[in-house]
């Protein structure tokens, strides 16, 4: 499926369907992703689908540490602000200490990116004090490490 076709599918997501990108390139990568998935199910809602883990080279950063990446789908009643606060809290609890800033990326124990939330459309909107969010995620089409597992999850949801 092409990136364009995947993005078209995102415009027709049912309300409350959260698509989440997960990545880790430090420590027990598989364990961090598993812990993040478990926390999301407890705090955001049930997991409906999850891709296989794929190993990828770092993108937009230089690091000797390869990433494990996945995409998961959850049913949630959280607002975009609540979902962002939840993902950031999970990242902190799992040891993420530095967020990407100004295009500079760092190694991380866990990275949780909200790719889409139903048909919600936000453009660089401040959803929490000092925290901006764009939905769907603006760089989905530029990231093969998201596109491949996203296609897998969308197929599982059909």
N, C-alpha and C. Protein backbone atom coordinates (compact mmCIF):
# COMPACT_ATOMS: atom_id res chain seq x y z
N UNK A 1 0.84 -1.17 0.00
CA UNK A 1 0.00 0.00 0.00
C UNK A 1 0.90 1.24 0.00
N UNK A 2 0.56 2.22 -0.81
CA UNK A 2 1.37 3.43 -0.90
C UNK A 2 1.14 4.32 0.32
N UNK A 3 2.08 5.22 0.54
CA UNK A 3 1.95 6.18 1.65
C UNK A 3 0.68 7.00 1.48
N UNK A 4 0.39 7.39 0.26
CA UNK A 4 -0.81 8.18 -0.01
C UNK A 4 -2.08 7.41 0.35
N UNK A 5 -2.12 6.14 -0.01
CA UNK A 5 -3.29 5.31 0.31
C UNK A 5 -3.45 5.13 1.82
N UNK A 6 -2.32 4.97 2.52
CA UNK A 6 -2.39 4.84 3.97
C UNK A 6 -2.93 6.12 4.60
N UNK A 7 -2.46 7.26 4.14
CA UNK A 7 -2.92 8.54 4.68
C UNK A 7 -4.40 8.74 4.40
N UNK A 8 -4.87 8.30 3.24
CA UNK A 8 -6.30 8.37 2.93
C UNK A 8 -7.11 7.54 3.92
N UNK A 9 -6.60 6.37 4.28
CA UNK A 9 -7.31 5.51 5.24
C UNK A 9 -7.40 6.18 6.61
N UNK A 10 -6.41 6.99 6.96
CA UNK A 10 -6.43 7.66 8.25
C UNK A 10 -7.57 8.67 8.34
N UNK A 11 -8.00 9.20 7.21
CA UNK A 11 -9.07 10.21 7.24
C UNK A 11 -10.43 9.59 7.54
N UNK A 12 -10.53 8.26 7.53
CA UNK A 12 -11.81 7.60 7.76
C UNK A 12 -11.80 6.73 9.01
N UNK A 13 -10.91 7.03 9.96
CA UNK A 13 -10.85 6.23 11.18
C UNK A 13 -12.09 6.49 12.04
N UNK A 14 -12.58 5.47 12.70
CA UNK A 14 -13.74 5.68 13.59
C UNK A 14 -13.35 6.50 14.82
N UNK A 15 -14.32 7.19 15.42
CA UNK A 15 -14.04 7.97 16.63
C UNK A 15 -13.41 7.08 17.71
N UNK A 16 -12.45 7.64 18.42
CA UNK A 16 -11.85 6.92 19.53
C UNK A 16 -10.80 5.90 19.16
N UNK A 17 -10.48 5.76 17.87
CA UNK A 17 -9.43 4.83 17.47
C UNK A 17 -8.10 5.58 17.46
N UNK A 18 -7.21 5.18 18.34
CA UNK A 18 -5.88 5.79 18.45
C UNK A 18 -4.87 4.89 17.77
N UNK A 19 -4.10 5.46 16.86
CA UNK A 19 -2.97 4.76 16.26
C UNK A 19 -1.71 5.35 16.87
N UNK A 20 -0.88 4.48 17.43
CA UNK A 20 0.28 4.90 18.18
C UNK A 20 1.54 4.27 17.61
N UNK A 21 2.55 5.10 17.33
CA UNK A 21 3.86 4.59 16.93
C UNK A 21 4.72 4.42 18.16
N UNK A 22 5.45 3.32 18.21
CA UNK A 22 6.33 3.03 19.34
C UNK A 22 7.74 2.76 18.82
N UNK A 23 8.74 3.26 19.53
CA UNK A 23 10.12 2.99 19.15
C UNK A 23 11.02 2.99 20.37
N UNK A 24 12.09 2.23 20.28
CA UNK A 24 13.06 2.15 21.37
C UNK A 24 14.42 1.79 20.76
N UNK A 25 15.49 2.49 21.24
CA UNK A 25 16.82 2.11 20.77
C UNK A 25 17.84 2.03 21.89
N UNK A 26 17.37 1.95 23.13
CA UNK A 26 18.28 1.80 24.27
C UNK A 26 17.80 0.68 25.19
N UNK A 27 18.75 -0.04 25.75
CA UNK A 27 18.41 -1.04 26.76
C UNK A 27 17.59 -2.20 26.21
N UNK A 28 16.68 -2.69 27.03
CA UNK A 28 15.79 -3.80 26.65
C UNK A 28 14.67 -3.25 25.78
N UNK A 29 14.98 -3.04 24.50
CA UNK A 29 14.05 -2.39 23.58
C UNK A 29 12.70 -3.11 23.54
N UNK A 30 12.73 -4.42 23.41
CA UNK A 30 11.50 -5.22 23.36
C UNK A 30 10.71 -5.06 24.67
N UNK A 31 11.42 -5.06 25.79
CA UNK A 31 10.77 -4.92 27.09
C UNK A 31 10.13 -3.55 27.27
N UNK A 32 10.82 -2.50 26.81
CA UNK A 32 10.25 -1.15 26.92
C UNK A 32 8.98 -1.04 26.07
N UNK A 33 9.00 -1.59 24.87
CA UNK A 33 7.81 -1.53 24.02
C UNK A 33 6.68 -2.33 24.65
N UNK A 34 6.98 -3.51 25.16
CA UNK A 34 5.96 -4.33 25.82
C UNK A 34 5.37 -3.57 27.02
N UNK A 35 6.21 -2.95 27.82
CA UNK A 35 5.73 -2.20 28.99
C UNK A 35 4.87 -1.01 28.58
N UNK A 36 5.25 -0.33 27.51
CA UNK A 36 4.45 0.80 27.02
C UNK A 36 3.09 0.33 26.53
N UNK A 37 3.05 -0.80 25.83
CA UNK A 37 1.77 -1.35 25.36
C UNK A 37 0.87 -1.71 26.54
N UNK A 38 1.45 -2.32 27.56
CA UNK A 38 0.66 -2.69 28.74
C UNK A 38 0.13 -1.44 29.45
N UNK A 39 0.97 -0.42 29.59
CA UNK A 39 0.55 0.82 30.24
C UNK A 39 -0.56 1.51 29.44
N UNK A 40 -0.42 1.52 28.13
CA UNK A 40 -1.46 2.14 27.29
C UNK A 40 -2.79 1.42 27.47
N UNK A 41 -2.77 0.11 27.55
CA UNK A 41 -4.02 -0.64 27.74
C UNK A 41 -4.65 -0.31 29.09
N UNK A 42 -3.85 -0.12 30.10
CA UNK A 42 -4.38 0.21 31.42
C UNK A 42 -4.88 1.64 31.50
N UNK A 43 -4.23 2.56 30.79
CA UNK A 43 -4.51 3.97 30.97
C UNK A 43 -5.29 4.63 29.83
N UNK A 44 -5.22 4.06 28.64
CA UNK A 44 -5.91 4.67 27.50
C UNK A 44 -7.09 3.85 27.01
N UNK A 45 -6.96 2.52 27.03
CA UNK A 45 -8.04 1.67 26.56
C UNK A 45 -7.49 0.41 25.93
N UNK A 46 -8.40 -0.49 25.55
CA UNK A 46 -7.97 -1.79 25.03
C UNK A 46 -7.22 -1.69 23.70
N UNK A 47 -6.22 -2.57 23.57
CA UNK A 47 -5.47 -2.65 22.32
C UNK A 47 -6.26 -3.51 21.34
N UNK A 48 -6.45 -3.01 20.14
CA UNK A 48 -7.21 -3.70 19.11
C UNK A 48 -6.32 -4.44 18.12
N UNK A 49 -5.12 -3.93 17.92
CA UNK A 49 -4.19 -4.53 16.94
C UNK A 49 -2.79 -4.03 17.24
N UNK A 50 -1.80 -4.84 16.85
CA UNK A 50 -0.41 -4.43 17.01
C UNK A 50 0.42 -5.08 15.91
N UNK A 51 1.31 -4.31 15.34
CA UNK A 51 2.19 -4.83 14.30
C UNK A 51 3.28 -5.69 14.93
N UNK A 52 4.00 -6.36 14.07
CA UNK A 52 5.23 -7.02 14.50
C UNK A 52 6.28 -5.94 14.75
N UNK A 53 7.27 -6.26 15.54
CA UNK A 53 8.39 -5.35 15.74
C UNK A 53 9.31 -5.41 14.53
N UNK A 54 9.78 -4.24 14.11
CA UNK A 54 10.76 -4.20 13.02
C UNK A 54 11.99 -3.46 13.53
N UNK A 55 13.15 -3.90 13.10
CA UNK A 55 14.39 -3.24 13.48
C UNK A 55 14.81 -2.32 12.35
N UNK A 56 15.13 -1.08 12.71
CA UNK A 56 15.50 -0.08 11.71
C UNK A 56 16.70 0.72 12.18
N UNK A 57 17.40 1.27 11.22
CA UNK A 57 18.50 2.19 11.53
C UNK A 57 17.90 3.52 12.00
N UNK A 58 18.62 4.26 12.82
CA UNK A 58 18.12 5.58 13.24
C UNK A 58 17.88 6.48 12.03
N UNK A 59 16.83 7.28 12.11
CA UNK A 59 16.45 8.23 11.06
C UNK A 59 16.47 9.62 11.68
N UNK A 60 16.99 10.59 10.95
CA UNK A 60 17.06 11.98 11.39
C UNK A 60 17.95 12.16 12.63
N UNK A 61 18.85 11.20 12.87
CA UNK A 61 19.79 11.31 13.98
C UNK A 61 20.94 10.36 13.72
N UNK A 62 22.06 10.59 14.38
CA UNK A 62 23.21 9.71 14.29
C UNK A 62 23.34 8.96 15.60
N UNK A 63 23.33 7.63 15.51
CA UNK A 63 23.46 6.80 16.70
C UNK A 63 23.92 5.41 16.27
N UNK A 64 24.73 4.75 17.10
CA UNK A 64 25.11 3.37 16.79
C UNK A 64 24.02 2.37 17.20
N UNK A 65 22.94 2.85 17.82
CA UNK A 65 21.90 1.97 18.36
C UNK A 65 20.71 1.88 17.41
N UNK A 66 20.42 0.66 16.93
CA UNK A 66 19.27 0.44 16.06
C UNK A 66 17.97 0.54 16.87
N UNK A 67 16.90 0.88 16.18
CA UNK A 67 15.58 0.98 16.79
C UNK A 67 14.78 -0.29 16.58
N UNK A 68 13.92 -0.60 17.54
CA UNK A 68 12.79 -1.49 17.31
C UNK A 68 11.58 -0.57 17.22
N UNK A 69 10.74 -0.81 16.21
CA UNK A 69 9.56 0.02 15.99
C UNK A 69 8.33 -0.85 15.83
N UNK A 70 7.18 -0.28 16.18
CA UNK A 70 5.89 -0.94 16.01
C UNK A 70 4.81 0.12 15.94
N UNK A 71 3.63 -0.29 15.51
CA UNK A 71 2.43 0.54 15.57
C UNK A 71 1.35 -0.29 16.22
N UNK A 72 0.57 0.35 17.09
CA UNK A 72 -0.54 -0.33 17.75
C UNK A 72 -1.79 0.53 17.65
N UNK A 73 -2.94 -0.12 17.71
CA UNK A 73 -4.24 0.57 17.69
C UNK A 73 -4.94 0.31 19.01
N UNK A 74 -5.52 1.38 19.56
CA UNK A 74 -6.25 1.30 20.82
C UNK A 74 -7.61 1.96 20.67
N UNK A 75 -8.58 1.46 21.41
CA UNK A 75 -9.87 2.15 21.52
C UNK A 75 -9.79 2.99 22.78
N UNK A 76 -10.05 4.29 22.64
CA UNK A 76 -9.90 5.18 23.80
C UNK A 76 -11.00 6.22 23.84
N UNK A 77 -11.29 6.67 25.03
CA UNK A 77 -12.20 7.78 25.23
C UNK A 77 -11.47 9.06 25.59
N UNK A 78 -10.13 9.01 25.54
CA UNK A 78 -9.33 10.17 25.91
C UNK A 78 -9.37 11.25 24.83
N UNK A 79 -9.30 12.49 25.26
CA UNK A 79 -9.17 13.62 24.34
C UNK A 79 -7.73 13.66 23.84
N UNK A 80 -7.45 14.45 22.80
CA UNK A 80 -6.05 14.58 22.37
C UNK A 80 -5.13 15.05 23.50
N UNK A 81 -5.57 16.00 24.31
CA UNK A 81 -4.74 16.49 25.42
C UNK A 81 -4.49 15.39 26.44
N UNK A 82 -5.53 14.64 26.79
CA UNK A 82 -5.37 13.55 27.76
C UNK A 82 -4.46 12.46 27.21
N UNK A 83 -4.60 12.16 25.92
CA UNK A 83 -3.78 11.13 25.30
C UNK A 83 -2.31 11.56 25.26
N UNK A 84 -2.05 12.81 24.93
CA UNK A 84 -0.68 13.31 24.92
C UNK A 84 -0.09 13.25 26.32
N UNK A 85 -0.84 13.69 27.32
CA UNK A 85 -0.35 13.63 28.70
C UNK A 85 -0.07 12.19 29.12
N UNK A 86 -0.92 11.26 28.71
CA UNK A 86 -0.74 9.85 29.05
C UNK A 86 0.53 9.29 28.41
N UNK A 87 0.72 9.55 27.12
CA UNK A 87 1.91 9.01 26.45
C UNK A 87 3.18 9.60 27.03
N UNK A 88 3.16 10.89 27.33
CA UNK A 88 4.36 11.51 27.90
C UNK A 88 4.65 10.99 29.30
N UNK A 89 3.62 10.73 30.08
CA UNK A 89 3.81 10.17 31.41
C UNK A 89 4.40 8.76 31.32
N UNK A 90 3.91 7.96 30.39
CA UNK A 90 4.44 6.61 30.19
C UNK A 90 5.91 6.68 29.78
N UNK A 91 6.24 7.59 28.86
CA UNK A 91 7.64 7.75 28.45
C UNK A 91 8.52 8.08 29.66
N UNK A 92 8.08 9.01 30.49
CA UNK A 92 8.87 9.39 31.67
C UNK A 92 9.05 8.20 32.61
N UNK A 93 7.97 7.47 32.87
CA UNK A 93 8.06 6.34 33.79
C UNK A 93 8.99 5.25 33.26
N UNK A 94 9.10 5.15 31.93
CA UNK A 94 9.96 4.13 31.33
C UNK A 94 11.37 4.67 31.05
N UNK A 95 11.70 5.81 31.62
CA UNK A 95 13.07 6.27 31.60
C UNK A 95 13.46 7.23 30.50
N UNK A 96 12.51 7.73 29.73
CA UNK A 96 12.88 8.71 28.71
C UNK A 96 13.16 10.03 29.41
N UNK A 97 14.35 10.57 29.15
CA UNK A 97 14.75 11.79 29.84
C UNK A 97 14.88 12.99 28.91
N UNK A 98 15.05 12.77 27.62
CA UNK A 98 15.23 13.90 26.69
C UNK A 98 14.25 13.77 25.53
N UNK A 99 13.51 14.83 25.30
CA UNK A 99 12.61 14.89 24.15
C UNK A 99 13.35 15.53 22.98
N UNK A 100 12.89 15.23 21.77
CA UNK A 100 13.44 15.87 20.58
C UNK A 100 13.11 17.35 20.65
N UNK A 101 14.06 18.17 20.26
CA UNK A 101 13.86 19.62 20.28
C UNK A 101 14.48 20.23 19.02
N UNK A 102 13.71 21.06 18.35
CA UNK A 102 14.22 21.78 17.20
C UNK A 102 14.84 20.89 16.14
N UNK A 103 14.27 19.71 15.94
CA UNK A 103 14.78 18.80 14.93
C UNK A 103 15.95 17.95 15.39
N UNK A 104 16.39 18.13 16.64
CA UNK A 104 17.48 17.32 17.17
C UNK A 104 16.88 16.16 17.95
N UNK A 105 17.29 14.94 17.59
CA UNK A 105 16.76 13.73 18.21
C UNK A 105 17.84 13.03 19.03
N UNK A 106 17.40 12.29 20.03
CA UNK A 106 18.32 11.63 20.95
C UNK A 106 17.95 10.16 21.09
N UNK A 107 18.91 9.34 21.50
CA UNK A 107 18.61 7.95 21.84
C UNK A 107 17.55 7.95 22.93
N UNK A 108 16.73 6.87 22.95
CA UNK A 108 15.66 6.85 23.93
C UNK A 108 15.26 5.43 24.30
N UNK A 109 14.85 5.28 25.54
CA UNK A 109 14.34 3.99 26.00
C UNK A 109 13.00 3.70 25.34
N UNK A 110 12.19 4.75 25.17
CA UNK A 110 10.87 4.58 24.55
C UNK A 110 10.46 5.90 23.91
N UNK A 111 9.79 5.79 22.79
CA UNK A 111 9.23 6.95 22.10
C UNK A 111 7.81 6.56 21.71
N UNK A 112 6.84 7.34 22.13
CA UNK A 112 5.43 7.10 21.79
C UNK A 112 4.93 8.28 20.98
N UNK A 113 4.54 8.03 19.74
CA UNK A 113 4.02 9.08 18.86
C UNK A 113 2.57 8.80 18.55
N UNK A 114 1.71 9.77 18.85
CA UNK A 114 0.30 9.65 18.46
C UNK A 114 0.25 9.91 16.96
N UNK A 115 -0.08 8.88 16.21
CA UNK A 115 -0.14 9.01 14.75
C UNK A 115 -1.48 9.56 14.30
N UNK A 116 -2.55 9.10 14.95
CA UNK A 116 -3.90 9.57 14.60
C UNK A 116 -4.83 9.23 15.75
N UNK A 117 -5.93 10.00 15.85
CA UNK A 117 -6.97 9.76 16.83
C UNK A 117 -8.30 9.97 16.15
N UNK A 118 -8.90 8.86 15.72
CA UNK A 118 -10.15 8.96 14.97
C UNK A 118 -9.98 9.90 13.79
N UNK A 119 -10.99 10.73 13.56
CA UNK A 119 -10.90 11.69 12.46
C UNK A 119 -10.50 13.08 12.96
N UNK A 120 -9.96 13.16 14.17
CA UNK A 120 -9.52 14.45 14.74
C UNK A 120 -8.43 15.05 13.87
N UNK A 121 -8.58 16.32 13.57
CA UNK A 121 -7.57 17.06 12.80
C UNK A 121 -7.10 18.24 13.65
N UNK A 122 -5.82 18.28 13.93
CA UNK A 122 -5.20 19.38 14.67
C UNK A 122 -3.98 19.84 13.89
N UNK A 123 -3.76 21.13 13.84
CA UNK A 123 -2.58 21.66 13.16
C UNK A 123 -1.79 22.49 14.15
N UNK A 124 -0.73 21.88 14.67
CA UNK A 124 0.17 22.56 15.60
C UNK A 124 -0.61 23.29 16.69
N UNK A 125 -1.55 22.58 17.27
CA UNK A 125 -2.43 23.17 18.28
C UNK A 125 -1.89 22.91 19.68
N UNK A 126 -1.94 23.94 20.51
CA UNK A 126 -1.50 23.78 21.90
C UNK A 126 -2.60 23.05 22.66
N UNK A 127 -2.31 21.81 23.04
CA UNK A 127 -3.30 20.99 23.73
C UNK A 127 -3.03 20.91 25.23
N UNK A 128 -1.78 21.17 25.60
CA UNK A 128 -1.36 21.26 26.99
C UNK A 128 -0.44 22.48 27.07
N UNK A 129 -0.29 23.08 28.23
CA UNK A 129 0.61 24.24 28.31
C UNK A 129 2.01 23.91 27.75
N UNK A 130 2.38 24.63 26.72
CA UNK A 130 3.69 24.45 26.11
C UNK A 130 3.83 23.19 25.25
N UNK A 131 2.75 22.46 25.06
CA UNK A 131 2.79 21.21 24.28
C UNK A 131 1.86 21.32 23.08
N UNK A 132 2.44 21.19 21.88
CA UNK A 132 1.66 21.33 20.65
C UNK A 132 1.49 19.96 20.01
N UNK A 133 0.40 19.80 19.28
CA UNK A 133 0.10 18.51 18.67
C UNK A 133 -0.50 18.73 17.29
N UNK A 134 -0.06 17.94 16.33
CA UNK A 134 -0.64 17.92 14.99
C UNK A 134 -1.13 16.50 14.74
N UNK A 135 -2.38 16.37 14.34
CA UNK A 135 -2.99 15.07 14.01
C UNK A 135 -3.67 15.15 12.66
N UNK A 136 -3.48 14.13 11.82
CA UNK A 136 -2.53 13.03 11.99
C UNK A 136 -1.10 13.55 12.06
N UNK A 137 -0.23 12.69 12.58
CA UNK A 137 1.19 13.04 12.73
C UNK A 137 1.71 13.53 11.38
N UNK A 138 2.39 14.67 11.35
CA UNK A 138 2.76 15.27 10.07
C UNK A 138 3.85 14.55 9.29
N UNK A 139 4.59 13.63 9.91
CA UNK A 139 5.71 13.00 9.20
C UNK A 139 5.50 11.51 8.93
N UNK A 140 4.26 11.05 9.02
CA UNK A 140 3.99 9.63 8.77
C UNK A 140 4.53 9.21 7.40
N UNK A 141 4.20 9.97 6.38
CA UNK A 141 4.55 9.58 5.01
C UNK A 141 6.06 9.59 4.76
N UNK A 142 6.82 10.25 5.63
CA UNK A 142 8.26 10.35 5.44
C UNK A 142 9.03 9.28 6.19
N UNK A 143 8.34 8.42 6.91
CA UNK A 143 9.00 7.48 7.81
C UNK A 143 8.63 6.03 7.49
N UNK A 144 9.48 5.33 6.75
CA UNK A 144 9.21 3.92 6.46
C UNK A 144 9.04 3.08 7.71
N UNK A 145 9.73 3.46 8.80
CA UNK A 145 9.61 2.70 10.04
C UNK A 145 8.24 2.86 10.68
N UNK A 146 7.44 3.81 10.19
CA UNK A 146 6.04 3.94 10.61
C UNK A 146 5.11 3.34 9.56
N UNK A 147 5.39 3.59 8.30
CA UNK A 147 4.49 3.15 7.23
C UNK A 147 4.30 1.64 7.20
N UNK A 148 5.40 0.89 7.31
CA UNK A 148 5.29 -0.57 7.23
C UNK A 148 4.44 -1.15 8.36
N UNK A 149 4.72 -0.83 9.63
CA UNK A 149 3.86 -1.37 10.68
C UNK A 149 2.44 -0.78 10.67
N UNK A 150 2.30 0.46 10.22
CA UNK A 150 0.96 1.06 10.12
C UNK A 150 0.10 0.30 9.13
N UNK A 151 0.67 -0.05 7.98
CA UNK A 151 -0.07 -0.83 6.98
C UNK A 151 -0.51 -2.17 7.58
N UNK A 152 0.36 -2.79 8.35
CA UNK A 152 0.03 -4.07 8.98
C UNK A 152 -1.15 -3.91 9.95
N UNK A 153 -1.12 -2.87 10.77
CA UNK A 153 -2.20 -2.65 11.74
C UNK A 153 -3.52 -2.33 11.04
N UNK A 154 -3.48 -1.49 10.02
CA UNK A 154 -4.71 -1.16 9.30
C UNK A 154 -5.31 -2.39 8.64
N UNK A 155 -4.45 -3.29 8.18
CA UNK A 155 -4.93 -4.56 7.60
C UNK A 155 -5.60 -5.41 8.69
N UNK A 156 -5.01 -5.46 9.87
CA UNK A 156 -5.59 -6.22 10.98
C UNK A 156 -6.95 -5.67 11.40
N UNK A 157 -7.15 -4.37 11.26
CA UNK A 157 -8.39 -3.74 11.71
C UNK A 157 -9.53 -3.91 10.71
N UNK A 158 -9.25 -4.36 9.51
CA UNK A 158 -10.33 -4.50 8.50
C UNK A 158 -11.25 -5.64 8.85
